[in-house]
Amino acid sequence: MLAAMNRVILFVGDVERCANFYRDLFDLSPIESRRPSDEWGELDAGGCRLAFHKAYGPDGPVDGPTGGPNNPHKIVFYAEDVPAMREELIRRGAQMEDASIAGDLALCDGSDPEGHRFQISNRL
């Protein structure tokens, strides 16, 4: 490996709302020196940091959601038991699709408050 990935950045309209969503949903810890503010926030996601950066367009700050079909990235979280994790995430308020199971592979997609896709999967 030439270099290890240490951070994934989502460009969002509401940094605090998105950071708090992932913090609360997956029990991620805020990086003390980079707690969510209007411009930036970082969470410890276990081996990688999940960061949120205020989105800007040609006319200045973007205040609306930035996720959707034209912004096709996906964050994937490991779950040993995908159906059980799906139920826990729903209990915590996430909008989750049905789990898909093919042989030993299980996965399930969801969306954050701005429409960014995330997935839980048992694939290491």
PDB file of N, CA and C in Angstrom:
ATOM      1  N   MET A   1       0.849  -1.160   0.000  1.00  0.00           N
ATOM      2  CA  MET A   1       0.000   0.000   0.000  1.00  0.00           C
ATOM      3  C   MET A   1       0.903   1.233   0.000  1.00  0.00           C
ATOM      4  N   LEU A   2       0.636   2.135  -0.924  1.00  0.00           N
ATOM      5  CA  LEU A   2       1.417   3.359  -1.025  1.00  0.00           C
ATOM      6  C   LEU A   2       1.057   4.343   0.081  1.00  0.00           C
ATOM      7  N   ALA A   3      -0.229   4.478   0.355  1.00  0.00           N
ATOM      8  CA  ALA A   3      -0.679   5.405   1.401  1.00  0.00           C
ATOM      9  C   ALA A   3      -1.988   4.895   1.982  1.00  0.00           C
ATOM     10  N   ALA A   4      -2.167   5.080   3.271  1.00  0.00           N
ATOM     11  CA  ALA A   4      -3.396   4.644   3.932  1.00  0.00           C
ATOM     12  C   ALA A   4      -4.433   5.764   3.895  1.00  0.00           C
ATOM     13  N   MET A   5      -5.693   5.405   3.701  1.00  0.00           N
ATOM     14  CA  MET A   5      -6.765   6.401   3.755  1.00  0.00           C
ATOM     15  C   MET A   5      -6.992   6.771   5.216  1.00  0.00           C
ATOM     16  N   ASN A   6      -7.060   8.064   5.502  1.00  0.00           N
ATOM     17  CA  ASN A   6      -7.265   8.475   6.883  1.00  0.00           C
ATOM     18  C   ASN A   6      -8.510   9.327   7.082  1.00  0.00           C
ATOM     19  N   ARG A   7      -9.170   9.757   5.972  1.00  0.00           N
ATOM     20  CA  ARG A   7     -10.325  10.633   6.141  1.00  0.00           C
ATOM     21  C   ARG A   7     -11.188  10.578   4.891  1.00  0.00           C
ATOM     22  N   VAL A   8     -12.502  10.579   5.094  1.00  0.00           N
ATOM     23  CA  VAL A   8     -13.485  10.757   4.032  1.00  0.00           C
ATOM     24  C   VAL A   8     -14.197  12.063   4.350  1.00  0.00           C
ATOM     25  N   ILE A   9     -14.295  12.967   3.357  1.00  0.00           N
ATOM     26  CA  ILE A   9     -14.932  14.262   3.571  1.00  0.00           C
ATOM     27  C   ILE A   9     -16.240  14.325   2.791  1.00  0.00           C
ATOM     28  N   LEU A  10     -17.305  14.687   3.480  1.00  0.00           N
ATOM     29  CA  LEU A  10     -18.583  14.965   2.831  1.00  0.00           C
ATOM     30  C   LEU A  10     -18.772  16.479   2.811  1.00  0.00           C
ATOM     31  N   PHE A  11     -19.081  17.026   1.654  1.00  0.00           N
ATOM     32  CA  PHE A  11     -19.384  18.450   1.530  1.00  0.00           C
ATOM     33  C   PHE A  11     -20.883  18.594   1.710  1.00  0.00           C
ATOM     34  N   VAL A  12     -21.279  19.312   2.756  1.00  0.00           N
ATOM     35  CA  VAL A  12     -22.675  19.339   3.182  1.00  0.00           C
ATOM     36  C   VAL A  12     -23.171  20.769   3.403  1.00  0.00           C
ATOM     37  N   GLY A  13     -24.478  20.927   3.415  1.00  0.00           N
ATOM     38  CA  GLY A  13     -25.091  22.209   3.706  1.00  0.00           C
ATOM     39  C   GLY A  13     -25.126  22.508   5.194  1.00  0.00           C
ATOM     40  N   ASP A  14     -25.283  21.487   6.043  1.00  0.00           N
ATOM     41  CA  ASP A  14     -25.391  21.665   7.489  1.00  0.00           C
ATOM     42  C   ASP A  14     -24.417  20.718   8.191  1.00  0.00           C
ATOM     43  N   VAL A  15     -23.239  21.235   8.499  1.00  0.00           N
ATOM     44  CA  VAL A  15     -22.161  20.435   9.097  1.00  0.00           C
ATOM     45  C   VAL A  15     -22.602  19.786  10.402  1.00  0.00           C
ATOM     46  N   GLU A  16     -23.138  20.568  11.318  1.00  0.00           N
ATOM     47  CA  GLU A  16     -23.494  20.029  12.626  1.00  0.00           C
ATOM     48  C   GLU A  16     -24.577  18.958  12.532  1.00  0.00           C
ATOM     49  N   ARG A  17     -25.589  19.174  11.707  1.00  0.00           N
ATOM     50  CA  ARG A  17     -26.672  18.192  11.577  1.00  0.00           C
ATOM     51  C   ARG A  17     -26.146  16.860  11.040  1.00  0.00           C
ATOM     52  N   CYS A  18     -25.312  16.916  10.007  1.00  0.00           N
ATOM     53  CA  CYS A  18     -24.792  15.669   9.440  1.00  0.00           C
ATOM     54  C   CYS A  18     -23.813  14.980  10.387  1.00  0.00           C
ATOM     55  N   ALA A  19     -22.923  15.749  11.008  1.00  0.00           N
ATOM     56  CA  ALA A  19     -21.974  15.153  11.954  1.00  0.00           C
ATOM     57  C   ALA A  19     -22.717  14.504  13.123  1.00  0.00           C
ATOM     58  N   ASN A  20     -23.716  15.188  13.646  1.00  0.00           N
ATOM     59  CA  ASN A  20     -24.477  14.635  14.762  1.00  0.00           C
ATOM     60  C   ASN A  20     -25.253  13.392  14.356  1.00  0.00           C
ATOM     61  N   PHE A  21     -25.751  13.340  13.122  1.00  0.00           N
ATOM     62  CA  PHE A  21     -26.464  12.162  12.621  1.00  0.00           C
ATOM     63  C   PHE A  21     -25.557  10.933  12.687  1.00  0.00           C
ATOM     64  N   TYR A  22     -24.351  11.018  12.110  1.00  0.00           N
ATOM     65  CA  TYR A  22     -23.435   9.868  12.106  1.00  0.00           C
ATOM     66  C   TYR A  22     -22.893   9.586  13.506  1.00  0.00           C
ATOM     67  N   ARG A  23     -22.649  10.629  14.296  1.00  0.00           N
ATOM     68  CA  ARG A  23     -22.191  10.431  15.678  1.00  0.00           C
ATOM     69  C   ARG A  23     -23.211   9.605  16.449  1.00  0.00           C
ATOM     70  N   ASP A  24     -24.475  10.016  16.371  1.00  0.00           N
ATOM     71  CA  ASP A  24     -25.516   9.355  17.144  1.00  0.00           C
ATOM     72  C   ASP A  24     -25.895   7.993  16.573  1.00  0.00           C
ATOM     73  N   LEU A  25     -25.921   7.860  15.253  1.00  0.00           N
ATOM     74  CA  LEU A  25     -26.348   6.621  14.634  1.00  0.00           C
ATOM     75  C   LEU A  25     -25.347   5.496  14.864  1.00  0.00           C
ATOM     76  N   PHE A  26     -24.047   5.792  14.704  1.00  0.00           N
ATOM     77  CA  PHE A  26     -23.018   4.760  14.792  1.00  0.00           C
ATOM     78  C   PHE A  26     -22.135   4.882  16.036  1.00  0.00           C
ATOM     79  N   ASP A  27     -22.495   5.751  16.977  1.00  0.00           N
ATOM     80  CA  ASP A  27     -21.707   5.960  18.198  1.00  0.00           C
ATOM     81  C   ASP A  27     -20.261   6.360  17.893  1.00  0.00           C
ATOM     82  N   LEU A  28     -20.072   7.226  16.885  1.00  0.00           N
ATOM     83  CA  LEU A  28     -18.733   7.703  16.543  1.00  0.00           C
ATOM     84  C   LEU A  28     -18.351   8.832  17.486  1.00  0.00           C
ATOM     85  N   SER A  29     -17.065   8.937  17.780  1.00  0.00           N
ATOM     86  CA  SER A  29     -16.579   9.956  18.712  1.00  0.00           C
ATOM     87  C   SER A  29     -16.079  11.184  17.966  1.00  0.00           C
ATOM     88  N   PRO A  30     -16.503  12.371  18.397  1.00  0.00           N
ATOM     89  CA  PRO A  30     -15.964  13.594  17.783  1.00  0.00           C
ATOM     90  C   PRO A  30     -14.474  13.711  18.065  1.00  0.00           C
ATOM     91  N   ILE A  31     -13.722  14.198  17.094  1.00  0.00           N
ATOM     92  CA  ILE A  31     -12.306  14.508  17.299  1.00  0.00           C
ATOM     93  C   ILE A  31     -12.297  15.827  18.074  1.00  0.00           C
ATOM     94  N   GLU A  32     -11.763  15.805  19.283  1.00  0.00           N
ATOM     95  CA  GLU A  32     -11.868  16.953  20.190  1.00  0.00           C
ATOM     96  C   GLU A  32     -11.438  18.266  19.551  1.00  0.00           C
ATOM     97  N   SER A  33     -10.333  18.258  18.825  1.00  0.00           N
ATOM     98  CA  SER A  33      -9.833  19.506  18.245  1.00  0.00           C
ATOM     99  C   SER A  33     -10.615  19.927  17.006  1.00  0.00           C
ATOM    100  N   ARG A  34     -11.537  19.075  16.558  1.00  0.00           N
ATOM    101  CA  ARG A  34     -12.295  19.368  15.339  1.00  0.00           C
ATOM    102  C   ARG A  34     -13.776  19.069  15.525  1.00  0.00           C
ATOM    103  N   ARG A  35     -14.318  19.473  16.657  1.00  0.00           N
ATOM    104  CA  ARG A  35     -15.748  19.280  16.925  1.00  0.00           C
ATOM    105  C   ARG A  35     -16.562  20.028  15.878  1.00  0.00           C
ATOM    106  N   PRO A  36     -17.763  19.528  15.565  1.00  0.00           N
ATOM    107  CA  PRO A  36     -18.575  20.178  14.529  1.00  0.00           C
ATOM    108  C   PRO A  36     -18.855  21.646  14.805  1.00  0.00           C
ATOM    109  N   SER A  37     -18.666  22.442  13.765  1.00  0.00           N
ATOM    110  CA  SER A  37     -18.983  23.866  13.795  1.00  0.00           C
ATOM    111  C   SER A  37     -19.756  24.168  12.512  1.00  0.00           C
ATOM    112  N   ASP A  38     -19.911  25.429  12.177  1.00  0.00           N
ATOM    113  CA  ASP A  38     -20.597  25.777  10.935  1.00  0.00           C
ATOM    114  C   ASP A  38     -19.805  25.374   9.700  1.00  0.00           C
ATOM    115  N   GLU A  39     -18.475  25.252   9.823  1.00  0.00           N
ATOM    116  CA  GLU A  39     -17.619  25.015   8.659  1.00  0.00           C
ATOM    117  C   GLU A  39     -17.019  23.613   8.580  1.00  0.00           C
ATOM    118  N   TRP A  40     -16.775  22.965   9.712  1.00  0.00           N
ATOM    119  CA  TRP A  40     -16.007  21.718   9.687  1.00  0.00           C
ATOM    120  C   TRP A  40     -16.305  20.896  10.931  1.00  0.00           C
ATOM    121  N   GLY A  41     -16.271  19.584  10.785  1.00  0.00           N
ATOM    122  CA  GLY A  41     -16.362  18.667  11.910  1.00  0.00           C
ATOM    123  C   GLY A  41     -15.757  17.335  11.522  1.00  0.00           C
ATOM    124  N   GLU A  42     -15.183  16.615  12.503  1.00  0.00           N
ATOM    125  CA  GLU A  42     -14.594  15.303  12.244  1.00  0.00           C
ATOM    126  C   GLU A  42     -14.995  14.323  13.334  1.00  0.00           C
ATOM    127  N   LEU A  43     -15.228  13.095  12.899  1.00  0.00           N
ATOM    128  CA  LEU A  43     -15.563  12.006  13.809  1.00  0.00           C
ATOM    129  C   LEU A  43     -14.566  10.877  13.626  1.00  0.00           C
ATOM    130  N   ASP A  44     -14.239  10.202  14.715  1.00  0.00           N
ATOM    131  CA  ASP A  44     -13.389   9.010  14.668  1.00  0.00           C
ATOM    132  C   ASP A  44     -14.277   7.847  14.263  1.00  0.00           C
ATOM    133  N   ALA A  45     -13.994   7.275  13.088  1.00  0.00           N
ATOM    134  CA  ALA A  45     -14.799   6.167  12.573  1.00  0.00           C
ATOM    135  C   ALA A  45     -14.037   4.849  12.650  1.00  0.00           C
ATOM    136  N   GLY A  46     -13.052   4.752  13.511  1.00  0.00           N
ATOM    137  CA  GLY A  46     -12.328   3.503  13.719  1.00  0.00           C
ATOM    138  C   GLY A  46     -11.395   3.176  12.566  1.00  0.00           C
ATOM    139  N   GLY A  47     -10.241   3.768  12.512  1.00  0.00           N
ATOM    140  CA  GLY A  47      -9.284   3.505  11.444  1.00  0.00           C
ATOM    141  C   GLY A  47      -9.349   4.543  10.335  1.00  0.00           C
ATOM    142  N   CYS A  48     -10.367   5.356  10.347  1.00  0.00           N
ATOM    143  CA  CYS A  48     -10.550   6.409   9.355  1.00  0.00           C
ATOM    144  C   CYS A  48     -11.408   7.490  10.009  1.00  0.00           C
ATOM    145  N   ARG A  49     -11.221   8.720   9.596  1.00  0.00           N
ATOM    146  CA  ARG A  49     -12.054   9.802  10.110  1.00  0.00           C
ATOM    147  C   ARG A  49     -13.119  10.152   9.082  1.00  0.00           C
ATOM    148  N   LEU A  50     -14.287  10.481   9.567  1.00  0.00           N
ATOM    149  CA  LEU A  50     -15.383  10.948   8.731  1.00  0.00           C
ATOM    150  C   LEU A  50     -15.504  12.447   8.990  1.00  0.00           C
ATOM    151  N   ALA A  51     -15.262  13.238   7.952  1.00  0.00           N
ATOM    152  CA  ALA A  51     -15.241  14.694   8.109  1.00  0.00           C
ATOM    153  C   ALA A  51     -16.374  15.334   7.318  1.00  0.00           C
ATOM    154  N   PHE A  52     -16.813  16.473   7.805  1.00  0.00           N
ATOM    155  CA  PHE A  52     -17.903  17.227   7.182  1.00  0.00           C
ATOM    156  C   PHE A  52     -17.407  18.641   6.935  1.00  0.00           C
ATOM    157  N   HIS A  53     -17.502  19.083   5.687  1.00  0.00           N
ATOM    158  CA  HIS A  53     -17.018  20.394   5.268  1.00  0.00           C
ATOM    159  C   HIS A  53     -18.191  21.178   4.707  1.00  0.00           C
ATOM    160  N   LYS A  54     -18.336  22.423   5.119  1.00  0.00           N
ATOM    161  CA  LYS A  54     -19.394  23.273   4.585  1.00  0.00           C
ATOM    162  C   LYS A  54     -19.229  23.376   3.072  1.00  0.00           C
ATOM    163  N   ALA A  55     -20.302  23.099   2.335  1.00  0.00           N
ATOM    164  CA  ALA A  55     -20.270  23.169   0.874  1.00  0.00           C
ATOM    165  C   ALA A  55     -20.425  24.615   0.410  1.00  0.00           C
ATOM    166  N   TYR A  56     -19.701  24.949  -0.647  1.00  0.00           N
ATOM    167  CA  TYR A  56     -19.783  26.261  -1.276  1.00  0.00           C
ATOM    168  C   TYR A  56     -19.989  26.073  -2.770  1.00  0.00           C
ATOM    169  N   GLY A  57     -20.803  26.939  -3.336  1.00  0.00           N
ATOM    170  CA  GLY A  57     -21.025  26.954  -4.768  1.00  0.00           C
ATOM    171  C   GLY A  57     -20.569  28.284  -5.338  1.00  0.00           C
ATOM    172  N   PRO A  58     -20.839  28.534  -6.604  1.00  0.00           N
ATOM    173  CA  PRO A  58     -20.404  29.791  -7.232  1.00  0.00           C
ATOM    174  C   PRO A  58     -21.001  31.036  -6.579  1.00  0.00           C
ATOM    175  N   ASP A  59     -22.138  30.889  -5.917  1.00  0.00           N
ATOM    176  CA  ASP A  59     -22.804  32.031  -5.269  1.00  0.00           C
ATOM    177  C   ASP A  59     -22.579  32.075  -3.763  1.00  0.00           C
ATOM    178  N   GLY A  60     -21.650  31.259  -3.255  1.00  0.00           N
ATOM    179  CA  GLY A  60     -21.365  31.271  -1.824  1.00  0.00           C
ATOM    180  C   GLY A  60     -21.780  29.986  -1.138  1.00  0.00           C
ATOM    181  N   PRO A  61     -22.064  30.061   0.174  1.00  0.00           N
ATOM    182  CA  PRO A  61     -22.396  28.861   0.940  1.00  0.00           C
ATOM    183  C   PRO A  61     -23.649  28.164   0.412  1.00  0.00           C
ATOM    184  N   VAL A  62     -23.598  26.839   0.444  1.00  0.00           N
ATOM    185  CA  VAL A  62     -24.759  26.018   0.098  1.00  0.00           C
ATOM    186  C   VAL A  62     -25.455  25.672   1.402  1.00  0.00           C
ATOM    187  N   ASP A  63     -26.713  26.060   1.529  1.00  0.00           N
ATOM    188  CA  ASP A  63     -27.425  25.817   2.779  1.00  0.00           C
ATOM    189  C   ASP A  63     -28.390  24.647   2.705  1.00  0.00           C
ATOM    190  N   GLY A  64     -28.672  24.147   1.517  1.00  0.00           N
ATOM    191  CA  GLY A  64     -29.576  23.013   1.366  1.00  0.00           C
ATOM    192  C   GLY A  64     -28.820  21.698   1.296  1.00  0.00           C
ATOM    193  N   PRO A  65     -29.551  20.597   1.256  1.00  0.00           N
ATOM    194  CA  PRO A  65     -28.926  19.275   1.153  1.00  0.00           C
ATOM    195  C   PRO A  65     -28.051  19.130  -0.091  1.00  0.00           C
ATOM    196  N   THR A  66     -26.955  18.403   0.049  1.00  0.00           N
ATOM    197  CA  THR A  66     -26.019  18.204  -1.059  1.00  0.00           C
ATOM    198  C   THR A  66     -26.008  16.778  -1.581  1.00  0.00           C
ATOM    199  N   GLY A  67     -26.696  15.864  -0.914  1.00  0.00           N
ATOM    200  CA  GLY A  67     -26.696  14.468  -1.343  1.00  0.00           C
ATOM    201  C   GLY A  67     -27.753  14.208  -2.392  1.00  0.00           C
ATOM    202  N   GLY A  68     -27.650  13.075  -3.066  1.00  0.00           N
ATOM    203  CA  GLY A  68     -28.639  12.684  -4.049  1.00  0.00           C
ATOM    204  C   GLY A  68     -28.011  11.904  -5.186  1.00  0.00           C
ATOM    205  N   PRO A  69     -28.804  11.553  -6.198  1.00  0.00           N
ATOM    206  CA  PRO A  69     -28.324  10.730  -7.305  1.00  0.00           C
ATOM    207  C   PRO A  69     -27.150  11.342  -8.076  1.00  0.00           C
ATOM    208  N   ASN A  70     -27.029  12.665  -8.085  1.00  0.00           N
ATOM    209  CA  ASN A  70     -25.925  13.303  -8.803  1.00  0.00           C
ATOM    210  C   ASN A  70     -24.667  13.440  -7.957  1.00  0.00           C
ATOM    211  N   ASN A  71     -24.686  12.912  -6.761  1.00  0.00           N
ATOM    212  CA  ASN A  71     -23.550  12.953  -5.843  1.00  0.00           C
ATOM    213  C   ASN A  71     -23.315  11.526  -5.359  1.00  0.00           C
ATOM    214  N   PRO A  72     -22.834  10.650  -6.264  1.00  0.00           N
ATOM    215  CA  PRO A  72     -22.877   9.197  -6.012  1.00  0.00           C
ATOM    216  C   PRO A  72     -21.719   8.591  -5.233  1.00  0.00           C
ATOM    217  N   HIS A  73     -21.484   9.036  -4.022  1.00  0.00           N
ATOM    218  CA  HIS A  73     -20.515   8.350  -3.169  1.00  0.00           C
ATOM    219  C   HIS A  73     -21.288   7.570  -2.110  1.00  0.00           C
ATOM    220  N   LYS A  74     -20.625   6.637  -1.486  1.00  0.00           N
ATOM    221  CA  LYS A  74     -21.286   5.855  -0.445  1.00  0.00           C
ATOM    222  C   LYS A  74     -20.266   5.511   0.624  1.00  0.00           C
ATOM    223  N   ILE A  75     -20.611   5.768   1.864  1.00  0.00           N
ATOM    224  CA  ILE A  75     -19.790   5.396   3.008  1.00  0.00           C
ATOM    225  C   ILE A  75     -20.280   4.032   3.464  1.00  0.00           C
ATOM    226  N   VAL A  76     -19.350   3.114   3.717  1.00  0.00           N
ATOM    227  CA  VAL A  76     -19.735   1.764   4.121  1.00  0.00           C
ATOM    228  C   VAL A  76     -19.190   1.484   5.516  1.00  0.00           C
ATOM    229  N   PHE A  77     -20.084   1.030   6.401  1.00  0.00           N
ATOM    230  CA  PHE A  77     -19.738   0.644   7.758  1.00  0.00           C
ATOM    231  C   PHE A  77     -19.851  -0.873   7.881  1.00  0.00           C
ATOM    232  N   TYR A  78     -18.897  -1.484   8.576  1.00  0.00           N
ATOM    233  CA  TYR A  78     -18.920  -2.932   8.783  1.00  0.00           C
ATOM    234  C   TYR A  78     -19.947  -3.293   9.855  1.00  0.00           C
ATOM    235  N   ALA A  79     -20.695  -4.364   9.602  1.00  0.00           N
ATOM    236  CA  ALA A  79     -21.627  -4.921  10.582  1.00  0.00           C
ATOM    237  C   ALA A  79     -21.568  -6.439  10.466  1.00  0.00           C
ATOM    238  N   GLU A  80     -21.243  -7.110  11.536  1.00  0.00           N
ATOM    239  CA  GLU A  80     -21.192  -8.577  11.506  1.00  0.00           C
ATOM    240  C   GLU A  80     -22.572  -9.151  11.214  1.00  0.00           C
ATOM    241  N   ASP A  81     -23.603  -8.587  11.841  1.00  0.00           N
ATOM    242  CA  ASP A  81     -24.979  -9.043  11.653  1.00  0.00           C
ATOM    243  C   ASP A  81     -25.777  -7.881  11.045  1.00  0.00           C
ATOM    244  N   VAL A  82     -25.861  -7.860   9.722  1.00  0.00           N
ATOM    245  CA  VAL A  82     -26.499  -6.743   9.013  1.00  0.00           C
ATOM    246  C   VAL A  82     -27.971  -6.585   9.389  1.00  0.00           C
ATOM    247  N   PRO A  83     -28.792  -7.652   9.393  1.00  0.00           N
ATOM    248  CA  PRO A  83     -30.197  -7.462   9.766  1.00  0.00           C
ATOM    249  C   PRO A  83     -30.379  -6.880  11.178  1.00  0.00           C
ATOM    250  N   ALA A  84     -29.573  -7.333  12.127  1.00  0.00           N
ATOM    251  CA  ALA A  84     -29.677  -6.802  13.491  1.00  0.00           C
ATOM    252  C   ALA A  84     -29.235  -5.342  13.536  1.00  0.00           C
ATOM    253  N   MET A  85     -28.147  -5.006  12.834  1.00  0.00           N
ATOM    254  CA  MET A  85     -27.675  -3.618  12.794  1.00  0.00           C
ATOM    255  C   MET A  85     -28.717  -2.730  12.110  1.00  0.00           C
ATOM    256  N   ARG A  86     -29.346  -3.222  11.042  1.00  0.00           N
ATOM    257  CA  ARG A  86     -30.396  -2.460  10.351  1.00  0.00           C
ATOM    258  C   ARG A  86     -31.508  -2.099  11.320  1.00  0.00           C
ATOM    259  N   GLU A  87     -31.955  -3.060  12.111  1.00  0.00           N
ATOM    260  CA  GLU A  87     -33.031  -2.805  13.071  1.00  0.00           C
ATOM    261  C   GLU A  87     -32.604  -1.781  14.122  1.00  0.00           C
ATOM    262  N   GLU A  88     -31.349  -1.850  14.576  1.00  0.00           N
ATOM    263  CA  GLU A  88     -30.850  -0.886  15.554  1.00  0.00           C
ATOM    264  C   GLU A  88     -30.794   0.517  14.949  1.00  0.00           C
ATOM    265  N   LEU A  89     -30.346   0.626  13.699  1.00  0.00           N
ATOM    266  CA  LEU A  89     -30.268   1.940  13.048  1.00  0.00           C
ATOM    267  C   LEU A  89     -31.662   2.528  12.845  1.00  0.00           C
ATOM    268  N   ILE A  90     -32.621   1.703  12.484  1.00  0.00           N
ATOM    269  CA  ILE A  90     -34.006   2.165  12.351  1.00  0.00           C
ATOM    270  C   ILE A  90     -34.517   2.646  13.706  1.00  0.00           C
ATOM    271  N   ARG A  91     -34.195   1.892  14.766  1.00  0.00           N
ATOM    272  CA  ARG A  91     -34.602   2.290  16.115  1.00  0.00           C
ATOM    273  C   ARG A  91     -34.018   3.656  16.474  1.00  0.00           C
ATOM    274  N   ARG A  92     -32.826   3.944  15.951  1.00  0.00           N
ATOM    275  CA  ARG A  92     -32.158   5.220  16.216  1.00  0.00           C
ATOM    276  C   ARG A  92     -32.625   6.328  15.272  1.00  0.00           C
ATOM    277  N   GLY A  93     -33.550   6.018  14.376  1.00  0.00           N
ATOM    278  CA  GLY A  93     -34.133   7.057  13.529  1.00  0.00           C
ATOM    279  C   GLY A  93     -33.677   7.087  12.086  1.00  0.00           C
ATOM    280  N   ALA A  94     -32.869   6.138  11.650  1.00  0.00           N
ATOM    281  CA  ALA A  94     -32.392   6.123  10.262  1.00  0.00           C
ATOM    282  C   ALA A  94     -33.458   5.584   9.311  1.00  0.00           C
ATOM    283  N   GLN A  95     -33.436   6.101   8.103  1.00  0.00           N
ATOM    284  CA  GLN A  95     -34.262   5.565   7.024  1.00  0.00           C
ATOM    285  C   GLN A  95     -33.417   4.516   6.304  1.00  0.00           C
ATOM    286  N   MET A  96     -33.811   3.248   6.416  1.00  0.00           N
ATOM    287  CA  MET A  96     -33.032   2.154   5.846  1.00  0.00           C
ATOM    288  C   MET A  96     -33.866   1.386   4.835  1.00  0.00           C
ATOM    289  N   GLU A  97     -33.202   0.921   3.772  1.00  0.00           N
ATOM    290  CA  GLU A  97     -33.856   0.050   2.809  1.00  0.00           C
ATOM    291  C   GLU A  97     -33.853  -1.375   3.362  1.00  0.00           C
ATOM    292  N   ASP A  98     -34.452  -2.302   2.637  1.00  0.00           N
ATOM    293  CA  ASP A  98     -34.417  -3.704   3.036  1.00  0.00           C
ATOM    294  C   ASP A  98     -33.000  -4.237   2.910  1.00  0.00           C
ATOM    295  N   ALA A  99     -32.644  -5.173   3.775  1.00  0.00           N
ATOM    296  CA  ALA A  99     -31.341  -5.829   3.677  1.00  0.00           C
ATOM    297  C   ALA A  99     -31.339  -6.755   2.478  1.00  0.00           C
ATOM    298  N   SER A 100     -30.176  -6.852   1.844  1.00  0.00           N
ATOM    299  CA  SER A 100     -29.997  -7.735   0.693  1.00  0.00           C
ATOM    300  C   SER A 100     -28.964  -8.784   1.082  1.00  0.00           C
ATOM    301  N   ILE A 101     -29.331 -10.052   0.927  1.00  0.00           N
ATOM    302  CA  ILE A 101     -28.431 -11.136   1.316  1.00  0.00           C
ATOM    303  C   ILE A 101     -28.240 -12.063   0.128  1.00  0.00           C
ATOM    304  N   ALA A 102     -26.973 -12.288  -0.241  1.00  0.00           N
ATOM    305  CA  ALA A 102     -26.617 -13.180  -1.346  1.00  0.00           C
ATOM    306  C   ALA A 102     -25.496 -14.081  -0.858  1.00  0.00           C
ATOM    307  N   GLY A 103     -25.840 -15.321  -0.505  1.00  0.00           N
ATOM    308  CA  GLY A 103     -24.840 -16.225   0.049  1.00  0.00           C
ATOM    309  C   GLY A 103     -24.362 -15.705   1.389  1.00  0.00           C
ATOM    310  N   ASP A 104     -23.039 -15.506   1.511  1.00  0.00           N
ATOM    311  CA  ASP A 104     -22.454 -15.006   2.757  1.00  0.00           C
ATOM    312  C   ASP A 104     -22.434 -13.485   2.844  1.00  0.00           C
ATOM    313  N   LEU A 105     -22.755 -12.797   1.738  1.00  0.00           N
ATOM    314  CA  LEU A 105     -22.716 -11.338   1.707  1.00  0.00           C
ATOM    315  C   LEU A 105     -24.063 -10.747   2.095  1.00  0.00           C
ATOM    316  N   ALA A 106     -24.038  -9.822   3.051  1.00  0.00           N
ATOM    317  CA  ALA A 106     -25.253  -9.106   3.463  1.00  0.00           C
ATOM    318  C   ALA A 106     -24.942  -7.616   3.446  1.00  0.00           C
ATOM    319  N   LEU A 107     -25.894  -6.821   2.950  1.00  0.00           N
ATOM    320  CA  LEU A 107     -25.716  -5.380   2.930  1.00  0.00           C
ATOM    321  C   LEU A 107     -27.054  -4.678   2.973  1.00  0.00           C
ATOM    322  N   CYS A 108     -27.025  -3.413   3.344  1.00  0.00           N
ATOM    323  CA  CYS A 108     -28.245  -2.621   3.454  1.00  0.00           C
ATOM    324  C   CYS A 108     -27.870  -1.150   3.326  1.00  0.00           C
ATOM    325  N   ASP A 109     -28.622  -0.412   2.503  1.00  0.00           N
ATOM    326  CA  ASP A 109     -28.363   1.005   2.280  1.00  0.00           C
ATOM    327  C   ASP A 109     -29.302   1.885   3.091  1.00  0.00           C
ATOM    328  N   GLY A 110     -28.820   3.086   3.405  1.00  0.00           N
ATOM    329  CA  GLY A 110     -29.619   4.100   4.063  1.00  0.00           C
ATOM    330  C   GLY A 110     -29.192   5.468   3.566  1.00  0.00           C
ATOM    331  N   SER A 111     -29.853   6.513   4.053  1.00  0.00           N
ATOM    332  CA  SER A 111     -29.532   7.887   3.669  1.00  0.00           C
ATOM    333  C   SER A 111     -29.429   8.766   4.903  1.00  0.00           C
ATOM    334  N   ASP A 112     -28.517   9.748   4.840  1.00  0.00           N
ATOM    335  CA  ASP A 112     -28.404  10.701   5.939  1.00  0.00           C
ATOM    336  C   ASP A 112     -29.380  11.862   5.706  1.00  0.00           C
ATOM    337  N   PRO A 113     -29.429  12.849   6.609  1.00  0.00           N
ATOM    338  CA  PRO A 113     -30.416  13.917   6.482  1.00  0.00           C
ATOM    339  C   PRO A 113     -30.318  14.741   5.199  1.00  0.00           C
ATOM    340  N   GLU A 114     -29.164  14.732   4.517  1.00  0.00           N
ATOM    341  CA  GLU A 114     -29.018  15.491   3.284  1.00  0.00           C
ATOM    342  C   GLU A 114     -29.088  14.608   2.046  1.00  0.00           C
ATOM    343  N   GLY A 115     -29.379  13.327   2.214  1.00  0.00           N
ATOM    344  CA  GLY A 115     -29.529  12.430   1.072  1.00  0.00           C
ATOM    345  C   GLY A 115     -28.277  11.678   0.668  1.00  0.00           C
ATOM    346  N   HIS A 116     -27.165  11.829   1.409  1.00  0.00           N
ATOM    347  CA  HIS A 116     -25.960  11.061   1.107  1.00  0.00           C
ATOM    348  C   HIS A 116     -26.212   9.599   1.460  1.00  0.00           C
ATOM    349  N   ARG A 117     -25.778   8.708   0.613  1.00  0.00           N
ATOM    350  CA  ARG A 117     -25.986   7.281   0.832  1.00  0.00           C
ATOM    351  C   ARG A 117     -24.919   6.717   1.754  1.00  0.00           C
ATOM    352  N   PHE A 118     -25.317   5.784   2.595  1.00  0.00           N
ATOM    353  CA  PHE A 118     -24.371   4.996   3.377  1.00  0.00           C
ATOM    354  C   PHE A 118     -24.861   3.556   3.359  1.00  0.00           C
ATOM    355  N   GLN A 119     -23.968   2.651   3.724  1.00  0.00           N
ATOM    356  CA  GLN A 119     -24.310   1.229   3.670  1.00  0.00           C
ATOM    357  C   GLN A 119     -23.715   0.537   4.889  1.00  0.00           C
ATOM    358  N   ILE A 120     -24.409  -0.493   5.350  1.00  0.00           N
ATOM    359  CA  ILE A 120     -23.827  -1.424   6.309  1.00  0.00           C
ATOM    360  C   ILE A 120     -23.634  -2.724   5.553  1.00  0.00           C
ATOM    361  N   SER A 121     -22.506  -3.373   5.796  1.00  0.00           N
ATOM    362  CA  SER A 121     -22.160  -4.586   5.052  1.00  0.00           C
ATOM    363  C   SER A 121     -21.308  -5.487   5.942  1.00  0.00           C
ATOM    364  N   ASN A 122     -21.431  -6.797   5.727  1.00  0.00           N
ATOM    365  CA  ASN A 122     -20.587  -7.727   6.482  1.00  0.00           C
ATOM    366  C   ASN A 122     -19.311  -8.068   5.715  1.00  0.00           C
ATOM    367  N   ARG A 123     -19.061  -7.373   4.624  1.00  0.00           N
ATOM    368  CA  ARG A 123     -17.832  -7.597   3.852  1.00  0.00           C
ATOM    369  C   ARG A 123     -16.696  -6.817   4.504  1.00  0.00           C
ATOM    370  N   LEU A 124     -15.610  -7.521   4.838  1.00  0.00           N
ATOM    371  CA  LEU A 124     -14.446  -6.849   5.430  1.00  0.00           C
ATOM    372  C   LEU A 124     -13.585  -6.228   4.362  1.00  0.00           C
TER     373      LEU A 124
END
